Protein backbone atom coordinates (compact mmCIF):
# COMPACT_ATOMS: atom_id res chain seq x y z
CA MET A 1 293.43 126.87 14.75
CA LYS A 2 297.19 126.34 15.42
CA LEU A 3 299.53 126.96 12.58
CA ASP A 4 301.68 124.06 11.60
CA LEU A 5 304.60 125.00 9.27
CA ALA A 6 304.23 121.66 7.61
CA ASP A 7 300.76 122.69 6.20
CA VAL A 8 302.18 125.88 4.82
CA ASP A 9 303.81 126.51 1.37
CA ILE A 10 305.95 129.66 1.34
CA ARG A 11 307.16 131.24 -1.91
CA VAL A 12 309.03 134.31 -2.58
CA ILE A 13 308.07 135.82 -6.01
CA ASP A 14 309.86 138.49 -7.85
CA GLN A 15 307.36 140.18 -10.16
CA ARG A 16 308.35 142.45 -13.14
CA ILE A 17 306.65 145.86 -12.83
CA GLY A 18 306.54 148.34 -15.54
CA MET A 19 307.32 151.90 -14.64
CA GLY A 20 307.07 153.83 -17.83
CA VAL A 21 308.77 153.74 -21.23
CA GLY A 22 312.00 151.93 -21.14
CA VAL A 23 311.90 151.64 -17.38
CA GLY A 24 311.15 148.55 -15.52
CA GLY A 25 311.79 146.96 -12.21
CA PHE A 26 311.17 144.04 -9.80
CA ASP A 27 308.82 143.86 -6.86
CA THR A 28 309.14 141.16 -4.34
CA VAL A 29 305.95 139.37 -2.90
CA ILE A 30 305.74 136.68 -0.16
CA ARG A 31 303.05 134.19 -0.99
CA VAL A 32 301.93 131.94 1.89
CA LEU A 33 299.50 129.03 1.13
CA HIS A 34 297.71 127.10 3.89
CA VAL A 35 297.35 123.62 2.10
CA PRO A 36 294.42 122.05 4.24
CA THR A 37 292.24 125.29 3.89
CA GLY A 38 293.36 126.75 0.66
CA ILE A 39 293.89 130.19 2.27
CA ILE A 40 296.41 132.33 0.42
CA ILE A 41 298.02 135.39 1.78
CA GLU A 42 300.26 137.62 -0.31
CA MET A 43 302.40 140.34 1.11
CA PRO A 44 304.35 142.78 -0.90
CA ARG A 45 307.68 143.86 0.32
CA LEU A 46 307.27 145.90 3.43
CA THR A 47 310.69 146.04 4.92
CA ARG A 48 314.29 145.42 3.60
CA SER A 49 314.19 142.04 5.55
CA GLN A 50 312.67 139.14 3.78
CA TRP A 51 312.56 137.24 7.10
CA HIS A 52 310.41 140.11 8.84
CA ASP A 53 308.12 140.09 5.72
CA ARG A 54 307.71 136.39 5.89
CA GLN A 55 306.67 136.66 9.66
CA THR A 56 304.23 139.29 8.83
CA ALA A 57 302.59 137.10 6.21
CA LEU A 58 302.43 134.11 8.67
CA ASP A 59 300.96 136.28 11.38
CA ALA A 60 298.32 137.38 8.77
CA LEU A 61 297.75 133.71 7.94
CA GLU A 62 297.33 132.96 11.70
CA MET A 63 294.60 135.77 11.91
CA ALA A 64 292.79 134.43 8.78
CA LEU A 65 292.70 130.93 10.25
CA ALA A 66 291.26 132.24 13.51
CA ASP A 67 288.29 133.21 11.30
CA VAL A 68 287.77 129.74 10.03
CA PRO A 69 284.66 128.05 11.39
CA ASP A 70 285.00 124.89 13.60
CA HIS A 71 285.94 121.48 12.49
CA ALA A 72 282.73 121.06 10.33
CA GLY A 73 283.59 124.23 8.37
CA ARG A 74 287.16 123.16 8.01
CA ALA A 75 286.27 119.83 6.69
CA ALA A 76 283.96 121.47 4.09
CA LEU A 77 286.83 123.72 2.99
CA ARG A 78 289.14 120.67 2.36
CA GLU A 79 286.26 118.88 0.36
CA ARG A 80 286.16 121.86 -2.02
CA GLU A 81 289.49 121.27 -3.15
């Protein structure tokens, strides 16, 4: 299945993480949602570059879409929403 960026919702989320008493921090997560199938990929920060992390998440989404069954299976996934 060819990935169309119009079908993808990309969000960058800063999550607060606790690291002990009085110590806290933030962790960045890239969340990619493929709207037609409902597949969600969440990637933690892997590099210092948000662009590279986004590309890694999109590559993971393409691999996940390769495992989606043919048109009949995709139609069933859309009906579930």
